[in-house]
Amino acid sequence: MTMTLADLKLLPQWVGYTAAKVPMNPHNGRAAASNNPDTWGTAAQAWAAKKRHNWAGVGYVFTIAAGVVGVD
């Protein structure tokens, strides 16, 4: 199955990131962890936090459970 960006936006696996590519928790503005879903949020939450904290961007957290892979 091919997932679209709209499909990915439905999954609560989004974080912000700094210019140094540090993943950031959209809930509290602190560092996020790739192995802790409590530090991730929805795409909308990540975008709002990016604007609020002036982060460099937002990113999707890839997990085996979601069945999604990507290449950077």
N, C-alpha and C. Protein backbone atom coordinates (compact mmCIF):
# COMPACT_ATOMS: atom_id res chain seq x y z
N MET A 1 0.82 -1.18 0.00
CA MET A 1 0.00 0.00 0.00
C MET A 1 0.87 1.25 0.00
N THR A 2 0.56 2.18 -0.82
CA THR A 2 1.29 3.44 -0.88
C THR A 2 0.58 4.46 0.00
N MET A 3 1.32 5.08 0.89
CA MET A 3 0.74 6.10 1.76
C MET A 3 1.02 7.47 1.18
N THR A 4 0.04 8.33 1.28
CA THR A 4 0.20 9.70 0.82
C THR A 4 0.53 10.60 2.01
N LEU A 5 0.87 11.82 1.72
CA LEU A 5 1.12 12.78 2.79
C LEU A 5 -0.14 12.96 3.64
N ALA A 6 -1.30 12.96 3.00
CA ALA A 6 -2.56 13.07 3.75
C ALA A 6 -2.71 11.91 4.73
N ASP A 7 -2.31 10.71 4.32
CA ASP A 7 -2.36 9.54 5.21
C ASP A 7 -1.42 9.72 6.40
N LEU A 8 -0.20 10.19 6.12
CA LEU A 8 0.79 10.37 7.18
C LEU A 8 0.35 11.43 8.18
N LYS A 9 -0.32 12.47 7.69
CA LYS A 9 -0.78 13.54 8.58
C LYS A 9 -1.77 13.04 9.62
N LEU A 10 -2.42 11.94 9.34
CA LEU A 10 -3.38 11.38 10.29
C LEU A 10 -2.71 10.66 11.45
N LEU A 11 -1.46 10.30 11.29
CA LEU A 11 -0.73 9.55 12.32
C LEU A 11 -0.05 10.52 13.29
N PRO A 12 -0.14 10.29 14.60
CA PRO A 12 0.47 11.20 15.59
C PRO A 12 1.95 10.91 15.78
N GLN A 13 2.70 11.04 14.70
CA GLN A 13 4.13 10.71 14.72
C GLN A 13 4.96 11.88 14.18
N TRP A 14 4.63 13.09 14.59
CA TRP A 14 5.27 14.29 14.08
C TRP A 14 6.00 15.04 15.18
N VAL A 15 7.12 15.62 14.82
CA VAL A 15 7.93 16.44 15.73
C VAL A 15 8.37 17.68 14.97
N GLY A 16 8.84 18.66 15.71
CA GLY A 16 9.54 19.78 15.09
C GLY A 16 11.02 19.46 15.08
N TYR A 17 11.80 20.32 14.44
CA TYR A 17 13.25 20.16 14.54
C TYR A 17 13.94 21.52 14.42
N THR A 18 15.09 21.60 15.05
CA THR A 18 15.88 22.83 15.06
C THR A 18 16.79 22.86 13.83
N ALA A 19 17.49 23.98 13.67
CA ALA A 19 18.45 24.10 12.57
C ALA A 19 19.55 23.05 12.67
N ALA A 20 19.83 22.60 13.89
CA ALA A 20 20.84 21.55 14.10
C ALA A 20 20.25 20.16 13.96
N LYS A 21 18.99 20.07 13.49
CA LYS A 21 18.28 18.81 13.26
C LYS A 21 17.96 18.04 14.55
N VAL A 22 17.82 18.75 15.66
CA VAL A 22 17.41 18.13 16.91
C VAL A 22 15.89 18.01 16.89
N PRO A 23 15.34 16.81 17.06
CA PRO A 23 13.89 16.67 17.08
C PRO A 23 13.30 17.28 18.35
N MET A 24 12.17 17.99 18.18
CA MET A 24 11.57 18.72 19.28
C MET A 24 10.12 18.30 19.51
N ASN A 25 9.75 18.23 20.78
CA ASN A 25 8.43 17.82 21.21
C ASN A 25 7.43 18.95 20.95
N PRO A 26 6.40 18.72 20.14
CA PRO A 26 5.45 19.77 19.85
C PRO A 26 4.55 20.14 21.03
N HIS A 27 4.54 19.33 22.08
CA HIS A 27 3.69 19.60 23.24
C HIS A 27 4.31 20.58 24.22
N ASN A 28 5.65 20.49 24.40
CA ASN A 28 6.27 21.32 25.42
C ASN A 28 7.52 22.08 24.95
N GLY A 29 7.93 21.92 23.69
CA GLY A 29 9.07 22.65 23.17
C GLY A 29 10.42 22.11 23.57
N ARG A 30 10.44 20.99 24.27
CA ARG A 30 11.70 20.36 24.66
C ARG A 30 12.08 19.29 23.64
N ALA A 31 13.21 18.66 23.85
CA ALA A 31 13.69 17.63 22.93
C ALA A 31 12.71 16.46 22.87
N ALA A 32 12.51 15.94 21.67
CA ALA A 32 11.70 14.74 21.46
C ALA A 32 12.64 13.53 21.40
N ALA A 33 12.06 12.35 21.53
CA ALA A 33 12.84 11.12 21.47
C ALA A 33 12.23 10.20 20.41
N SER A 34 13.07 9.63 19.58
CA SER A 34 12.59 8.77 18.50
C SER A 34 11.93 7.49 19.02
N ASN A 35 12.21 7.15 20.27
CA ASN A 35 11.64 5.93 20.85
C ASN A 35 10.57 6.21 21.92
N ASN A 36 10.04 7.44 21.95
CA ASN A 36 9.04 7.80 22.94
C ASN A 36 7.87 8.54 22.28
N PRO A 37 6.80 7.82 21.95
CA PRO A 37 5.66 8.45 21.28
C PRO A 37 4.99 9.56 22.09
N ASP A 38 5.25 9.62 23.39
CA ASP A 38 4.70 10.71 24.20
C ASP A 38 5.30 12.06 23.80
N THR A 39 6.44 12.04 23.10
CA THR A 39 7.10 13.28 22.69
C THR A 39 6.79 13.65 21.25
N TRP A 40 5.85 12.97 20.64
CA TRP A 40 5.43 13.26 19.27
C TRP A 40 4.03 13.85 19.31
N GLY A 41 3.60 14.39 18.20
CA GLY A 41 2.25 14.93 18.12
C GLY A 41 1.69 14.75 16.72
N THR A 42 0.58 15.39 16.48
CA THR A 42 -0.02 15.36 15.15
C THR A 42 0.72 16.34 14.25
N ALA A 43 0.47 16.24 12.97
CA ALA A 43 1.08 17.18 12.02
C ALA A 43 0.68 18.61 12.37
N ALA A 44 -0.60 18.81 12.71
CA ALA A 44 -1.08 20.16 13.05
C ALA A 44 -0.38 20.68 14.30
N GLN A 45 -0.19 19.83 15.30
CA GLN A 45 0.50 20.24 16.52
C GLN A 45 1.96 20.59 16.23
N ALA A 46 2.61 19.79 15.38
CA ALA A 46 4.01 20.05 15.04
C ALA A 46 4.15 21.37 14.28
N TRP A 47 3.25 21.64 13.34
CA TRP A 47 3.31 22.90 12.58
C TRP A 47 3.06 24.09 13.48
N ALA A 48 2.10 23.98 14.39
CA ALA A 48 1.82 25.09 15.31
C ALA A 48 3.02 25.35 16.21
N ALA A 49 3.64 24.28 16.71
CA ALA A 49 4.81 24.43 17.58
C ALA A 49 6.00 24.99 16.80
N LYS A 50 6.15 24.60 15.54
CA LYS A 50 7.22 25.14 14.70
C LYS A 50 7.11 26.65 14.61
N LYS A 51 5.91 27.13 14.38
CA LYS A 51 5.68 28.57 14.28
C LYS A 51 5.91 29.26 15.63
N ARG A 52 5.39 28.65 16.70
CA ARG A 52 5.49 29.23 18.04
C ARG A 52 6.94 29.32 18.51
N HIS A 53 7.74 28.29 18.22
CA HIS A 53 9.12 28.23 18.70
C HIS A 53 10.14 28.63 17.64
N ASN A 54 9.66 28.96 16.45
CA ASN A 54 10.54 29.36 15.34
C ASN A 54 11.57 28.27 15.00
N TRP A 55 11.10 27.02 14.99
CA TRP A 55 11.97 25.91 14.62
C TRP A 55 12.20 25.91 13.12
N ALA A 56 13.18 25.16 12.68
CA ALA A 56 13.53 25.08 11.26
C ALA A 56 12.48 24.33 10.44
N GLY A 57 11.82 23.34 11.03
CA GLY A 57 10.83 22.56 10.27
C GLY A 57 10.13 21.53 11.12
N VAL A 58 9.38 20.66 10.43
CA VAL A 58 8.70 19.55 11.08
C VAL A 58 9.12 18.26 10.39
N GLY A 59 9.03 17.17 11.12
CA GLY A 59 9.41 15.89 10.55
C GLY A 59 8.52 14.77 11.04
N TYR A 60 8.49 13.72 10.28
CA TYR A 60 7.70 12.53 10.59
C TYR A 60 8.61 11.50 11.24
N VAL A 61 8.15 10.86 12.31
CA VAL A 61 8.92 9.83 13.00
C VAL A 61 8.54 8.47 12.41
N PHE A 62 9.48 7.84 11.75
CA PHE A 62 9.24 6.53 11.15
C PHE A 62 9.32 5.44 12.21
N THR A 63 8.36 4.52 12.18
CA THR A 63 8.36 3.39 13.11
C THR A 63 8.04 2.11 12.34
N ILE A 64 8.51 1.00 12.84
CA ILE A 64 8.21 -0.28 12.23
C ILE A 64 6.71 -0.55 12.31
N ALA A 65 6.11 -0.21 13.44
CA ALA A 65 4.68 -0.48 13.66
C ALA A 65 3.79 0.20 12.62
N ALA A 66 4.19 1.39 12.16
CA ALA A 66 3.39 2.11 11.17
C ALA A 66 3.53 1.52 9.77
N GLY A 67 4.58 0.73 9.57
CA GLY A 67 4.78 0.10 8.27
C GLY A 67 5.17 1.08 7.18
N VAL A 68 5.83 2.16 7.59
CA VAL A 68 6.23 3.20 6.64
C VAL A 68 7.75 3.29 6.66
N VAL A 69 8.36 3.37 5.50
CA VAL A 69 9.80 3.56 5.40
C VAL A 69 10.07 4.77 4.52
N GLY A 70 11.25 5.34 4.67
CA GLY A 70 11.63 6.49 3.86
C GLY A 70 13.12 6.55 3.67
N VAL A 71 13.54 7.36 2.74
CA VAL A 71 14.96 7.55 2.45
C VAL A 71 15.24 9.04 2.50
N ASP A 72 16.28 9.42 3.23
CA ASP A 72 16.63 10.82 3.37
C ASP A 72 17.89 11.08 2.56
